[in-house]
Amino acid sequence: MDAIPRTDSLIDYPSDFPIKVMGPTHIDFESTIQEVVLGFDPTFHKGKMEARPSGKGNYTGLTVTVLATSREQLDALYTALTAHPMVKIVL
């Protein structure tokens, strides 16, 4: 399967773009992820974040909706989130 060229995109910029982030349940998880996202989207606020605990409560899933302005911005945000020690999965 051929890769999509970097100049082609299925996203119209700027637009709201949801990202799912999962990590172990921790009192600072939401605020930590909010801080990371703010580095890439200065318009981000807690109202753009939805949290859901896992069935047993060991993990927390967050849906953060960012204002995507470019593919480079999204790539950099995904890289920062996946590299963070509190994060297990980013979708």
Protein backbone atom coordinates (compact mmCIF):
# COMPACT_ATOMS: atom_id res chain seq x y z
CA MET A 1 0.00 0.00 0.00
CA ASP A 2 1.37 3.40 -0.97
CA ALA A 3 1.85 6.02 1.72
CA ILE A 4 -0.12 9.23 1.51
CA PRO A 5 2.22 12.02 0.35
CA ARG A 6 2.88 14.60 3.09
CA THR A 7 1.26 17.31 0.95
CA ASP A 8 -2.03 15.40 0.65
CA SER A 9 -4.35 15.40 3.64
CA LEU A 10 -7.81 14.19 4.47
CA ILE A 11 -8.13 16.99 7.03
CA ASP A 12 -9.10 20.54 6.17
CA TYR A 13 -6.98 22.93 8.23
CA PRO A 14 -7.76 24.56 10.57
CA SER A 15 -10.29 22.21 12.15
CA ASP A 16 -11.15 20.57 15.45
CA PHE A 17 -9.44 17.19 15.68
CA PRO A 18 -10.05 14.60 18.44
CA ILE A 19 -7.12 12.63 19.84
CA LYS A 20 -7.52 9.75 22.28
CA VAL A 21 -4.90 9.42 25.01
CA MET A 22 -4.76 6.56 27.52
CA GLY A 23 -2.65 6.16 30.61
CA PRO A 24 -2.71 4.80 34.16
CA THR A 25 -5.18 6.55 36.41
CA HIS A 26 -3.31 9.27 38.31
CA ILE A 27 -4.46 12.43 40.03
CA ASP A 28 -2.27 14.56 37.70
CA PHE A 29 -2.97 12.74 34.41
CA GLU A 30 -5.54 15.18 33.03
CA SER A 31 -3.60 18.32 34.00
CA THR A 32 -0.37 16.86 32.64
CA ILE A 33 -1.93 16.02 29.26
CA GLN A 34 -3.58 19.44 29.16
CA GLU A 35 -0.16 21.05 29.65
CA VAL A 36 1.36 19.00 26.82
CA VAL A 37 -1.51 19.84 24.45
CA LEU A 38 -1.32 23.56 25.30
CA GLY A 39 2.21 23.56 23.93
CA PHE A 40 0.76 22.80 20.49
CA ASP A 41 -2.68 24.42 20.70
CA PRO A 42 -2.80 27.60 22.79
CA THR A 43 -6.62 27.69 22.44
CA PHE A 44 -6.99 24.34 24.24
CA HIS A 45 -8.84 24.30 27.58
CA LYS A 46 -10.31 21.72 29.95
CA GLY A 47 -13.72 22.02 28.26
CA LYS A 48 -12.16 20.37 25.19
CA MET A 49 -11.20 17.27 27.21
CA GLU A 50 -13.40 14.31 28.07
CA ALA A 51 -12.24 11.70 30.58
CA ARG A 52 -13.43 8.11 30.96
CA PRO A 53 -12.12 5.58 33.46
CA SER A 54 -11.52 1.99 32.42
CA GLY A 55 -13.83 -0.73 33.71
CA LYS A 56 -11.63 -1.49 36.71
CA GLY A 57 -10.48 2.11 37.10
CA ASN A 58 -6.81 1.32 36.54
CA TYR A 59 -6.60 3.44 33.37
CA THR A 60 -8.06 6.72 32.21
CA GLY A 61 -8.95 7.48 28.61
CA LEU A 62 -8.98 11.09 27.52
CA THR A 63 -10.40 12.53 24.33
CA VAL A 64 -8.75 15.87 23.69
CA THR A 65 -10.07 17.99 20.85
CA VAL A 66 -7.37 20.24 19.46
CA LEU A 67 -7.47 22.98 16.87
CA ALA A 68 -5.40 21.34 14.14
CA THR A 69 -3.62 23.92 12.02
CA SER A 70 -1.25 21.64 10.06
CA ARG A 71 -0.10 18.08 9.66
CA GLU A 72 3.25 19.08 11.15
CA GLN A 73 1.51 20.35 14.29
CA LEU A 74 -0.44 17.09 14.67
CA ASP A 75 2.67 14.96 14.05
CA ALA A 76 4.61 16.92 16.68
CA LEU A 77 1.74 16.64 19.18
CA TYR A 78 1.45 12.86 18.63
CA THR A 79 5.22 12.54 19.11
CA ALA A 80 5.14 14.54 22.35
CA LEU A 81 2.19 12.59 23.73
CA THR A 82 3.57 9.14 22.86
CA ALA A 83 6.94 10.07 24.39
CA HIS A 84 5.40 11.18 27.69
CA PRO A 85 5.99 8.65 30.51
CA MET A 86 2.37 8.87 31.75
CA VAL A 87 0.96 7.91 28.33
CA LYS A 88 0.45 4.31 27.21
CA ILE A 89 -1.52 4.77 23.95
CA VAL A 90 -2.35 7.65 21.60
CA LEU A 91 -4.94 7.20 18.84
